[in-house]
ModelCIF file with pLDDT and N, C-alpha, C, O atoms, coordinates in Angstrom:
data_MODEL
#
_entry.id   MODEL 
#
_entity.id                         1 
_entity.type                       polymer 
_entity.pdbx_number_of_molecules   1 
#
_entity_poly.entity_id                      1 
_entity_poly.type                           'polypeptide(L)' 
_entity_poly.nstd_linkage                   no 
_entity_poly.nstd_monomer                   no 
_entity_poly.pdbx_seq_one_letter_code       LYTLGWYRQAPGKQRELVARIARDTSTNYADSVKGRFTISRDNAK 
_entity_poly.pdbx_seq_one_letter_code_can   LYTLGWYRQAPGKQRELVARIARDTSTNYADSVKGRFTISRDNAK 
_entity_poly.pdbx_strand_id                 A 
#
loop_
_entity_poly_seq.entity_id 
_entity_poly_seq.num 
_entity_poly_seq.mon_id 
_entity_poly_seq.hetero 
1 1  LEU n 
1 2  TYR n 
1 3  THR n 
1 4  LEU n 
1 5  GLY n 
1 6  TRP n 
1 7  TYR n 
1 8  ARG n 
1 9  GLN n 
1 10 ALA n 
1 11 PRO n 
1 12 GLY n 
1 13 LYS n 
1 14 GLN n 
1 15 ARG n 
1 16 GLU n 
1 17 LEU n 
1 18 VAL n 
1 19 ALA n 
1 20 ARG n 
1 21 ILE n 
1 22 ALA n 
1 23 ARG n 
1 24 ASP n 
1 25 THR n 
1 26 SER n 
1 27 THR n 
1 28 ASN n 
1 29 TYR n 
1 30 ALA n 
1 31 ASP n 
1 32 SER n 
1 33 VAL n 
1 34 LYS n 
1 35 GLY n 
1 36 ARG n 
1 37 PHE n 
1 38 THR n 
1 39 ILE n 
1 40 SER n 
1 41 ARG n 
1 42 ASP n 
1 43 ASN n 
1 44 ALA n 
1 45 LYS n 
#
_struct_asym.id          A 
_struct_asym.entity_id   1 
#
loop_
_ma_qa_metric.id 
_ma_qa_metric.mode 
_ma_qa_metric.name 
_ma_qa_metric.software_group_id 
_ma_qa_metric.type 
1 global pLDDT . pLDDT 
2 local  pLDDT . pLDDT 
#
_ma_qa_metric_global.metric_id      1 
_ma_qa_metric_global.metric_value   96.89 
_ma_qa_metric_global.model_id       1 
_ma_qa_metric_global.ordinal_id     1 
#
loop_
_ma_qa_metric_local.label_asym_id 
_ma_qa_metric_local.label_comp_id 
_ma_qa_metric_local.label_seq_id 
_ma_qa_metric_local.metric_id 
_ma_qa_metric_local.metric_value 
_ma_qa_metric_local.model_id 
_ma_qa_metric_local.ordinal_id 
A LEU 1  2 92.00 1 1  
A TYR 2  2 95.00 1 2  
A THR 3  2 97.00 1 3  
A LEU 4  2 97.00 1 4  
A GLY 5  2 98.00 1 5  
A TRP 6  2 98.00 1 6  
A TYR 7  2 98.00 1 7  
A ARG 8  2 98.00 1 8  
A GLN 9  2 98.00 1 9  
A ALA 10 2 96.00 1 10 
A PRO 11 2 92.00 1 11 
A GLY 12 2 94.00 1 12 
A LYS 13 2 96.00 1 13 
A GLN 14 2 97.00 1 14 
A ARG 15 2 97.00 1 15 
A GLU 16 2 98.00 1 16 
A LEU 17 2 98.00 1 17 
A VAL 18 2 98.00 1 18 
A ALA 19 2 98.00 1 19 
A ARG 20 2 98.00 1 20 
A ILE 21 2 98.00 1 21 
A ALA 22 2 97.00 1 22 
A ARG 23 2 95.00 1 23 
A ASP 24 2 95.00 1 24 
A THR 25 2 95.00 1 25 
A SER 26 2 97.00 1 26 
A THR 27 2 98.00 1 27 
A ASN 28 2 97.00 1 28 
A TYR 29 2 98.00 1 29 
A ALA 30 2 98.00 1 30 
A ASP 31 2 98.00 1 31 
A SER 32 2 97.00 1 32 
A VAL 33 2 98.00 1 33 
A LYS 34 2 98.00 1 34 
A GLY 35 2 98.00 1 35 
A ARG 36 2 98.00 1 36 
A PHE 37 2 98.00 1 37 
A THR 38 2 98.00 1 38 
A ILE 39 2 98.00 1 39 
A SER 40 2 98.00 1 40 
A ARG 41 2 97.00 1 41 
A ASP 42 2 97.00 1 42 
A ASN 43 2 95.00 1 43 
A ALA 44 2 95.00 1 44 
A LYS 45 2 96.00 1 45 
#
loop_
_atom_site.group_PDB 
_atom_site.id 
_atom_site.type_symbol 
_atom_site.label_atom_id 
_atom_site.label_alt_id 
_atom_site.label_comp_id 
_atom_site.label_asym_id 
_atom_site.label_entity_id 
_atom_site.label_seq_id 
_atom_site.pdbx_PDB_ins_code 
_atom_site.Cartn_x 
_atom_site.Cartn_y 
_atom_site.Cartn_z 
_atom_site.occupancy 
_atom_site.B_iso_or_equiv 
_atom_site.pdbx_formal_charge 
_atom_site.auth_seq_id 
_atom_site.auth_comp_id 
_atom_site.auth_asym_id 
_atom_site.auth_atom_id 
_atom_site.pdbx_PDB_model_num 
ATOM 1   N N  . LEU A 1 1  ? 0.805  -1.224  -0.002  1.00 92.00 ? 1  LEU A N  1 
ATOM 2   C CA . LEU A 1 1  ? 0.001  -0.001  -0.002  1.00 92.00 ? 1  LEU A CA 1 
ATOM 3   C C  . LEU A 1 1  ? 0.838  1.273   -0.003  1.00 92.00 ? 1  LEU A C  1 
ATOM 4   O O  . LEU A 1 1  ? 0.314  2.365   -0.223  1.00 92.00 ? 1  LEU A O  1 
ATOM 5   N N  . TYR A 1 2  ? 2.142  1.132   0.243   1.00 95.00 ? 2  TYR A N  1 
ATOM 6   C CA . TYR A 1 2  ? 3.010  2.290   0.382   1.00 95.00 ? 2  TYR A CA 1 
ATOM 7   C C  . TYR A 1 2  ? 3.460  2.831   -0.966  1.00 95.00 ? 2  TYR A C  1 
ATOM 8   O O  . TYR A 1 2  ? 3.699  2.075   -1.907  1.00 95.00 ? 2  TYR A O  1 
ATOM 9   N N  . THR A 1 3  ? 3.571  4.163   -1.043  1.00 97.00 ? 3  THR A N  1 
ATOM 10  C CA . THR A 1 3  ? 4.321  4.791   -2.113  1.00 97.00 ? 3  THR A CA 1 
ATOM 11  C C  . THR A 1 3  ? 5.774  4.823   -1.657  1.00 97.00 ? 3  THR A C  1 
ATOM 12  O O  . THR A 1 3  ? 6.074  5.246   -0.541  1.00 97.00 ? 3  THR A O  1 
ATOM 13  N N  . LEU A 1 4  ? 6.665  4.377   -2.524  1.00 97.00 ? 4  LEU A N  1 
ATOM 14  C CA . LEU A 1 4  ? 8.084  4.245   -2.178  1.00 97.00 ? 4  LEU A CA 1 
ATOM 15  C C  . LEU A 1 4  ? 8.912  5.187   -3.038  1.00 97.00 ? 4  LEU A C  1 
ATOM 16  O O  . LEU A 1 4  ? 8.634  5.377   -4.222  1.00 97.00 ? 4  LEU A O  1 
ATOM 17  N N  . GLY A 1 5  ? 9.911  5.761   -2.438  1.00 98.00 ? 5  GLY A N  1 
ATOM 18  C CA . GLY A 1 5  ? 10.728 6.691   -3.192  1.00 98.00 ? 5  GLY A CA 1 
ATOM 19  C C  . GLY A 1 5  ? 12.191 6.623   -2.812  1.00 98.00 ? 5  GLY A C  1 
ATOM 20  O O  . GLY A 1 5  ? 12.557 6.172   -1.726  1.00 98.00 ? 5  GLY A O  1 
ATOM 21  N N  . TRP A 1 6  ? 13.012 7.082   -3.731  1.00 98.00 ? 6  TRP A N  1 
ATOM 22  C CA . TRP A 1 6  ? 14.435 7.299   -3.477  1.00 98.00 ? 6  TRP A CA 1 
ATOM 23  C C  . TRP A 1 6  ? 14.699 8.797   -3.612  1.00 98.00 ? 6  TRP A C  1 
ATOM 24  O O  . TRP A 1 6  ? 14.302 9.432   -4.589  1.00 98.00 ? 6  TRP A O  1 
ATOM 25  N N  . TYR A 1 7  ? 15.377 9.338   -2.613  1.00 98.00 ? 7  TYR A N  1 
ATOM 26  C CA . TYR A 1 7  ? 15.785 10.728  -2.591  1.00 98.00 ? 7  TYR A CA 1 
ATOM 27  C C  . TYR A 1 7  ? 17.302 10.755  -2.450  1.00 98.00 ? 7  TYR A C  1 
ATOM 28  O O  . TYR A 1 7  ? 17.922 9.761   -2.071  1.00 98.00 ? 7  TYR A O  1 
ATOM 29  N N  . ARG A 1 8  ? 17.892 11.918  -2.762  1.00 98.00 ? 8  ARG A N  1 
ATOM 30  C CA . ARG A 1 8  ? 19.315 12.047  -2.546  1.00 98.00 ? 8  ARG A CA 1 
ATOM 31  C C  . ARG A 1 8  ? 19.653 13.447  -2.053  1.00 98.00 ? 8  ARG A C  1 
ATOM 32  O O  . ARG A 1 8  ? 18.935 14.415  -2.305  1.00 98.00 ? 8  ARG A O  1 
ATOM 33  N N  . GLN A 1 9  ? 20.768 13.517  -1.345  1.00 98.00 ? 9  GLN A N  1 
ATOM 34  C CA . GLN A 1 9  ? 21.229 14.816  -0.839  1.00 98.00 ? 9  GLN A CA 1 
ATOM 35  C C  . GLN A 1 9  ? 22.738 14.890  -1.018  1.00 98.00 ? 9  GLN A C  1 
ATOM 36  O O  . GLN A 1 9  ? 23.494 14.110  -0.439  1.00 98.00 ? 9  GLN A O  1 
ATOM 37  N N  . ALA A 1 10 ? 23.149 15.843  -1.830  1.00 96.00 ? 10 ALA A N  1 
ATOM 38  C CA . ALA A 1 10 ? 24.578 16.094  -2.025  1.00 96.00 ? 10 ALA A CA 1 
ATOM 39  C C  . ALA A 1 10 ? 25.032 17.146  -1.016  1.00 96.00 ? 10 ALA A C  1 
ATOM 40  O O  . ALA A 1 10 ? 24.211 17.904  -0.498  1.00 96.00 ? 10 ALA A O  1 
ATOM 41  N N  . PRO A 1 11 ? 26.328 17.196  -0.735  1.00 92.00 ? 11 PRO A N  1 
ATOM 42  C CA . PRO A 1 11 ? 26.837 18.182  0.228   1.00 92.00 ? 11 PRO A CA 1 
ATOM 43  C C  . PRO A 1 11 ? 26.448 19.605  -0.162  1.00 92.00 ? 11 PRO A C  1 
ATOM 44  O O  . PRO A 1 11 ? 26.643 20.025  -1.303  1.00 92.00 ? 11 PRO A O  1 
ATOM 45  N N  . GLY A 1 12 ? 25.900 20.333  0.795   1.00 94.00 ? 12 GLY A N  1 
ATOM 46  C CA . GLY A 1 12 ? 25.522 21.725  0.557   1.00 94.00 ? 12 GLY A CA 1 
ATOM 47  C C  . GLY A 1 12 ? 24.251 21.922  -0.236  1.00 94.00 ? 12 GLY A C  1 
ATOM 48  O O  . GLY A 1 12 ? 23.907 23.052  -0.584  1.00 94.00 ? 12 GLY A O  1 
ATOM 49  N N  . LYS A 1 13 ? 23.541 20.833  -0.530  1.00 96.00 ? 13 LYS A N  1 
ATOM 50  C CA . LYS A 1 13 ? 22.312 20.930  -1.318  1.00 96.00 ? 13 LYS A CA 1 
ATOM 51  C C  . LYS A 1 13 ? 21.139 20.358  -0.554  1.00 96.00 ? 13 LYS A C  1 
ATOM 52  O O  . LYS A 1 13 ? 21.310 19.624  0.419   1.00 96.00 ? 13 LYS A O  1 
ATOM 53  N N  . GLN A 1 14 ? 19.939 20.704  -1.007  1.00 97.00 ? 14 GLN A N  1 
ATOM 54  C CA . GLN A 1 14 ? 18.740 20.169  -0.390  1.00 97.00 ? 14 GLN A CA 1 
ATOM 55  C C  . GLN A 1 14 ? 18.486 18.762  -0.872  1.00 97.00 ? 14 GLN A C  1 
ATOM 56  O O  . GLN A 1 14 ? 18.921 18.363  -1.952  1.00 97.00 ? 14 GLN A O  1 
ATOM 57  N N  . ARG A 1 15 ? 17.772 18.019  -0.049  1.00 97.00 ? 15 ARG A N  1 
ATOM 58  C CA . ARG A 1 15 ? 17.368 16.674  -0.445  1.00 97.00 ? 15 ARG A CA 1 
ATOM 59  C C  . ARG A 1 15 ? 16.374 16.787  -1.604  1.00 97.00 ? 15 ARG A C  1 
ATOM 60  O O  . ARG A 1 15 ? 15.481 17.633  -1.589  1.00 97.00 ? 15 ARG A O  1 
ATOM 61  N N  . GLU A 1 16 ? 16.545 15.916  -2.615  1.00 98.00 ? 16 GLU A N  1 
ATOM 62  C CA . GLU A 1 16 ? 15.696 15.987  -3.797  1.00 98.00 ? 16 GLU A CA 1 
ATOM 63  C C  . GLU A 1 16 ? 15.173 14.592  -4.153  1.00 98.00 ? 16 GLU A C  1 
ATOM 64  O O  . GLU A 1 16 ? 15.812 13.572  -3.893  1.00 98.00 ? 16 GLU A O  1 
ATOM 65  N N  . LEU A 1 17 ? 13.995 14.594  -4.752  1.00 98.00 ? 17 LEU A N  1 
ATOM 66  C CA . LEU A 1 17 ? 13.411 13.341  -5.215  1.00 98.00 ? 17 LEU A CA 1 
ATOM 67  C C  . LEU A 1 17 ? 14.174 12.833  -6.416  1.00 98.00 ? 17 LEU A C  1 
ATOM 68  O O  . LEU A 1 17 ? 14.451 13.588  -7.348  1.00 98.00 ? 17 LEU A O  1 
ATOM 69  N N  . VAL A 1 18 ? 14.514 11.559  -6.400  1.00 98.00 ? 18 VAL A N  1 
ATOM 70  C CA . VAL A 1 18 ? 15.166 10.910  -7.552  1.00 98.00 ? 18 VAL A CA 1 
ATOM 71  C C  . VAL A 1 18 ? 14.115 10.112  -8.346  1.00 98.00 ? 18 VAL A C  1 
ATOM 72  O O  . VAL A 1 18 ? 13.983 10.275  -9.559  1.00 98.00 ? 18 VAL A O  1 
ATOM 73  N N  . ALA A 1 19 ? 13.378 9.255   -7.642  1.00 98.00 ? 19 ALA A N  1 
ATOM 74  C CA . ALA A 1 19 ? 12.383 8.424   -8.296  1.00 98.00 ? 19 ALA A CA 1 
ATOM 75  C C  . ALA A 1 19 ? 11.362 7.964   -7.264  1.00 98.00 ? 19 ALA A C  1 
ATOM 76  O O  . ALA A 1 19 ? 11.651 7.868   -6.071  1.00 98.00 ? 19 ALA A O  1 
ATOM 77  N N  . ARG A 1 20 ? 10.155 7.681   -7.759  1.00 98.00 ? 20 ARG A N  1 
ATOM 78  C CA . ARG A 1 20 ? 9.084  7.274   -6.872  1.00 98.00 ? 20 ARG A CA 1 
ATOM 79  C C  . ARG A 1 20 ? 8.224  6.234   -7.596  1.00 98.00 ? 20 ARG A C  1 
ATOM 80  O O  . ARG A 1 20 ? 8.015  6.321   -8.806  1.00 98.00 ? 20 ARG A O  1 
ATOM 81  N N  . ILE A 1 21 ? 7.734  5.259   -6.844  1.00 98.00 ? 21 ILE A N  1 
ATOM 82  C CA . ILE A 1 21 ? 6.858  4.238   -7.396  1.00 98.00 ? 21 ILE A CA 1 
ATOM 83  C C  . ILE A 1 21 ? 5.643  4.101   -6.500  1.00 98.00 ? 21 ILE A C  1 
ATOM 84  O O  . ILE A 1 21 ? 5.768  3.887   -5.295  1.00 98.00 ? 21 ILE A O  1 
ATOM 85  N N  . ALA A 1 22 ? 4.481  4.224   -7.090  1.00 97.00 ? 22 ALA A N  1 
ATOM 86  C CA . ALA A 1 22 ? 3.238  4.143   -6.343  1.00 97.00 ? 22 ALA A CA 1 
ATOM 87  C C  . ALA A 1 22 ? 2.808  2.684   -6.172  1.00 97.00 ? 22 ALA A C  1 
ATOM 88  O O  . ALA A 1 22 ? 3.428  1.774   -6.721  1.00 97.00 ? 22 ALA A O  1 
ATOM 89  N N  . ARG A 1 23 ? 1.731  2.477   -5.399  1.00 95.00 ? 23 ARG A N  1 
ATOM 90  C CA . ARG A 1 23 ? 1.300  1.105   -5.170  1.00 95.00 ? 23 ARG A CA 1 
ATOM 91  C C  . ARG A 1 23 ? 0.752  0.449   -6.419  1.00 95.00 ? 23 ARG A C  1 
ATOM 92  O O  . ARG A 1 23 ? 0.697  -0.778  -6.506  1.00 95.00 ? 23 ARG A O  1 
ATOM 93  N N  . ASP A 1 24 ? 0.339  1.266   -7.404  1.00 95.00 ? 24 ASP A N  1 
ATOM 94  C CA . ASP A 1 24 ? -0.107 0.693   -8.685  1.00 95.00 ? 24 ASP A CA 1 
ATOM 95  C C  . ASP A 1 24 ? 1.080  0.525   -9.641  1.00 95.00 ? 24 ASP A C  1 
ATOM 96  O O  . ASP A 1 24 ? 0.884  0.195   -10.811 1.00 95.00 ? 24 ASP A O  1 
ATOM 97  N N  . THR A 1 25 ? 2.290  0.745   -9.163  1.00 95.00 ? 25 THR A N  1 
ATOM 98  C CA . THR A 1 25 ? 3.588  0.631   -9.880  1.00 95.00 ? 25 THR A CA 1 
ATOM 99  C C  . THR A 1 25 ? 3.819  1.724   -10.906 1.00 95.00 ? 25 THR A C  1 
ATOM 100 O O  . THR A 1 25 ? 4.755  1.633   -11.701 1.00 95.00 ? 25 THR A O  1 
ATOM 101 N N  . SER A 1 26 ? 2.978  2.764   -10.907 1.00 97.00 ? 26 SER A N  1 
ATOM 102 C CA . SER A 1 26 ? 3.302  3.925   -11.738 1.00 97.00 ? 26 SER A CA 1 
ATOM 103 C C  . SER A 1 26 ? 4.533  4.602   -11.139 1.00 97.00 ? 26 SER A C  1 
ATOM 104 O O  . SER A 1 26 ? 4.743  4.595   -9.926  1.00 97.00 ? 26 SER A O  1 
ATOM 105 N N  . THR A 1 27 ? 5.337  5.187   -12.024 1.00 98.00 ? 27 THR A N  1 
ATOM 106 C CA . THR A 1 27 ? 6.619  5.759   -11.583 1.00 98.00 ? 27 THR A CA 1 
ATOM 107 C C  . THR A 1 27 ? 6.777  7.201   -12.057 1.00 98.00 ? 27 THR A C  1 
ATOM 108 O O  . THR A 1 27 ? 6.155  7.626   -13.030 1.00 98.00 ? 27 THR A O  1 
ATOM 109 N N  . ASN A 1 28 ? 7.608  7.925   -11.361 1.00 97.00 ? 28 ASN A N  1 
ATOM 110 C CA . ASN A 1 28 ? 8.055  9.218   -11.870 1.00 97.00 ? 28 ASN A CA 1 
ATOM 111 C C  . ASN A 1 28 ? 9.505  9.430   -11.454 1.00 97.00 ? 28 ASN A C  1 
ATOM 112 O O  . ASN A 1 28 ? 9.957  8.907   -10.436 1.00 97.00 ? 28 ASN A O  1 
ATOM 113 N N  . TYR A 1 29 ? 10.216 10.195  -12.248 1.00 98.00 ? 29 TYR A N  1 
ATOM 114 C CA . TYR A 1 29 ? 11.649 10.385  -12.101 1.00 98.00 ? 29 TYR A CA 1 
ATOM 115 C C  . TYR A 1 29 ? 12.028 11.867  -12.199 1.00 98.00 ? 29 TYR A C  1 
ATOM 116 O O  . TYR A 1 29 ? 11.362 12.660  -12.865 1.00 98.00 ? 29 TYR A O  1 
ATOM 117 N N  . ALA A 1 30 ? 13.099 12.203  -11.524 1.00 98.00 ? 30 ALA A N  1 
ATOM 118 C CA . ALA A 1 30 ? 13.692 13.520  -11.738 1.00 98.00 ? 30 ALA A CA 1 
ATOM 119 C C  . ALA A 1 30 ? 14.220 13.583  -13.163 1.00 98.00 ? 30 ALA A C  1 
ATOM 120 O O  . ALA A 1 30 ? 14.698 12.584  -13.700 1.00 98.00 ? 30 ALA A O  1 
ATOM 121 N N  . ASP A 1 31 ? 14.132 14.761  -13.773 1.00 98.00 ? 31 ASP A N  1 
ATOM 122 C CA . ASP A 1 31 ? 14.602 14.906  -15.158 1.00 98.00 ? 31 ASP A CA 1 
ATOM 123 C C  . ASP A 1 31 ? 16.070 14.493  -15.299 1.00 98.00 ? 31 ASP A C  1 
ATOM 124 O O  . ASP A 1 31 ? 16.474 13.953  -16.329 1.00 98.00 ? 31 ASP A O  1 
ATOM 125 N N  . SER A 1 32 ? 16.851 14.749  -14.271 1.00 97.00 ? 32 SER A N  1 
ATOM 126 C CA . SER A 1 32 ? 18.287 14.503  -14.332 1.00 97.00 ? 32 SER A CA 1 
ATOM 127 C C  . SER A 1 32 ? 18.644 13.007  -14.400 1.00 97.00 ? 32 SER A C  1 
ATOM 128 O O  . SER A 1 32 ? 19.764 12.651  -14.765 1.00 97.00 ? 32 SER A O  1 
ATOM 129 N N  . VAL A 1 33 ? 17.690 12.141  -14.047 1.00 98.00 ? 33 VAL A N  1 
ATOM 130 C CA . VAL A 1 33 ? 18.002 10.688  -14.056 1.00 98.00 ? 33 VAL A CA 1 
ATOM 131 C C  . VAL A 1 33 ? 17.154 9.905   -15.043 1.00 98.00 ? 33 VAL A C  1 
ATOM 132 O O  . VAL A 1 33 ? 17.342 8.696   -15.181 1.00 98.00 ? 33 VAL A O  1 
ATOM 133 N N  . LYS A 1 34 ? 16.237 10.551  -15.726 1.00 98.00 ? 34 LYS A N  1 
ATOM 134 C CA . LYS A 1 34 ? 15.369 9.838   -16.671 1.00 98.00 ? 34 LYS A CA 1 
ATOM 135 C C  . LYS A 1 34 ? 16.210 9.159   -17.745 1.00 98.00 ? 34 LYS A C  1 
ATOM 136 O O  . LYS A 1 34 ? 17.132 9.747   -18.309 1.00 98.00 ? 34 LYS A O  1 
ATOM 137 N N  . GLY A 1 35 ? 15.860 7.896   -18.009 1.00 98.00 ? 35 GLY A N  1 
ATOM 138 C CA . GLY A 1 35 ? 16.588 7.120   -18.988 1.00 98.00 ? 35 GLY A CA 1 
ATOM 139 C C  . GLY A 1 35 ? 17.838 6.447   -18.445 1.00 98.00 ? 35 GLY A C  1 
ATOM 140 O O  . GLY A 1 35 ? 18.443 5.625   -19.135 1.00 98.00 ? 35 GLY A O  1 
ATOM 141 N N  . ARG A 1 36 ? 18.234 6.778   -17.227 1.00 98.00 ? 36 ARG A N  1 
ATOM 142 C CA . ARG A 1 36 ? 19.428 6.158   -16.628 1.00 98.00 ? 36 ARG A CA 1 
ATOM 143 C C  . ARG A 1 36 ? 19.102 5.337   -15.363 1.00 98.00 ? 36 ARG A C  1 
ATOM 144 O O  . ARG A 1 36 ? 19.751 4.330   -15.081 1.00 98.00 ? 36 ARG A O  1 
ATOM 145 N N  . PHE A 1 37 ? 18.107 5.779   -14.627 1.00 98.00 ? 37 PHE A N  1 
ATOM 146 C CA . PHE A 1 37 ? 17.747 5.115   -13.372 1.00 98.00 ? 37 PHE A CA 1 
ATOM 147 C C  . PHE A 1 37 ? 16.377 4.427   -13.535 1.00 98.00 ? 37 PHE A C  1 
ATOM 148 O O  . PHE A 1 37 ? 15.508 4.902   -14.265 1.00 98.00 ? 37 PHE A O  1 
ATOM 149 N N  . THR A 1 38 ? 16.218 3.314   -12.843 1.00 98.00 ? 38 THR A N  1 
ATOM 150 C CA . THR A 1 38 ? 14.948 2.603   -12.851 1.00 98.00 ? 38 THR A CA 1 
ATOM 151 C C  . THR A 1 38 ? 14.582 2.194   -11.422 1.00 98.00 ? 38 THR A C  1 
ATOM 152 O O  . THR A 1 38 ? 15.366 1.541   -10.732 1.00 98.00 ? 38 THR A O  1 
ATOM 153 N N  . ILE A 1 39 ? 13.391 2.584   -10.992 1.00 98.00 ? 39 ILE A N  1 
ATOM 154 C CA . ILE A 1 39 ? 12.908 2.178   -9.682  1.00 98.00 ? 39 ILE A CA 1 
ATOM 155 C C  . ILE A 1 39 ? 11.944 1.009   -9.859  1.00 98.00 ? 39 ILE A C  1 
ATOM 156 O O  . ILE A 1 39 ? 11.160 0.973   -10.807 1.00 98.00 ? 39 ILE A O  1 
ATOM 157 N N  . SER A 1 40 ? 12.014 0.062   -8.940  1.00 98.00 ? 40 SER A N  1 
ATOM 158 C CA . SER A 1 40 ? 11.123 -1.085  -8.980  1.00 98.00 ? 40 SER A CA 1 
ATOM 159 C C  . SER A 1 40 ? 10.841 -1.541  -7.547  1.00 98.00 ? 40 SER A C  1 
ATOM 160 O O  . SER A 1 40 ? 11.535 -1.160  -6.604  1.00 98.00 ? 40 SER A O  1 
ATOM 161 N N  . ARG A 1 41 ? 9.811  -2.361  -7.414  1.00 97.00 ? 41 ARG A N  1 
ATOM 162 C CA . ARG A 1 41 ? 9.460  -2.864  -6.094  1.00 97.00 ? 41 ARG A CA 1 
ATOM 163 C C  . ARG A 1 41 ? 9.120  -4.340  -6.166  1.00 97.00 ? 41 ARG A C  1 
ATOM 164 O O  . ARG A 1 41 ? 8.614  -4.830  -7.176  1.00 97.00 ? 41 ARG A O  1 
ATOM 165 N N  . ASP A 1 42 ? 9.406  -5.044  -5.070  1.00 97.00 ? 42 ASP A N  1 
ATOM 166 C CA . ASP A 1 42 ? 9.037  -6.448  -4.933  1.00 97.00 ? 42 ASP A CA 1 
ATOM 167 C C  . ASP A 1 42 ? 8.247  -6.547  -3.632  1.00 97.00 ? 42 ASP A C  1 
ATOM 168 O O  . ASP A 1 42 ? 8.823  -6.607  -2.546  1.00 97.00 ? 42 ASP A O  1 
ATOM 169 N N  . ASN A 1 43 ? 6.936  -6.564  -3.755  1.00 95.00 ? 43 ASN A N  1 
ATOM 170 C CA . ASN A 1 43 ? 6.095  -6.569  -2.567  1.00 95.00 ? 43 ASN A CA 1 
ATOM 171 C C  . ASN A 1 43 ? 6.232  -7.863  -1.759  1.00 95.00 ? 43 ASN A C  1 
ATOM 172 O O  . ASN A 1 43 ? 6.023  -7.871  -0.546  1.00 95.00 ? 43 ASN A O  1 
ATOM 173 N N  . ALA A 1 44 ? 6.579  -8.934  -2.429  1.00 95.00 ? 44 ALA A N  1 
ATOM 174 C CA . ALA A 1 44 ? 6.752  -10.211 -1.720  1.00 95.00 ? 44 ALA A CA 1 
ATOM 175 C C  . ALA A 1 44 ? 7.966  -10.166 -0.790  1.00 95.00 ? 44 ALA A C  1 
ATOM 176 O O  . ALA A 1 44 ? 8.022  -10.876 0.214   1.00 95.00 ? 44 ALA A O  1 
ATOM 177 N N  . LYS A 1 45 ? 8.936  -9.319  -1.143  1.00 96.00 ? 45 LYS A N  1 
ATOM 178 C CA . LYS A 1 45 ? 10.169 -9.208  -0.355  1.00 96.00 ? 45 LYS A CA 1 
ATOM 179 C C  . LYS A 1 45 ? 10.214 -7.916  0.460   1.00 96.00 ? 45 LYS A C  1 
ATOM 180 O O  . LYS A 1 45 ? 11.185 -7.672  1.176   1.00 96.00 ? 45 LYS A O  1 
#
């Protein structure tokens, strides 16, 4: 039921969203990582 996300924080910068996956497995990505990063979930694990 959870929406899951990956965020990152570089030194001296604010924490930013990298990628997020909803419970229906729809995803969204930061523009800077589109096409390079993939988020996925395994609910069984």
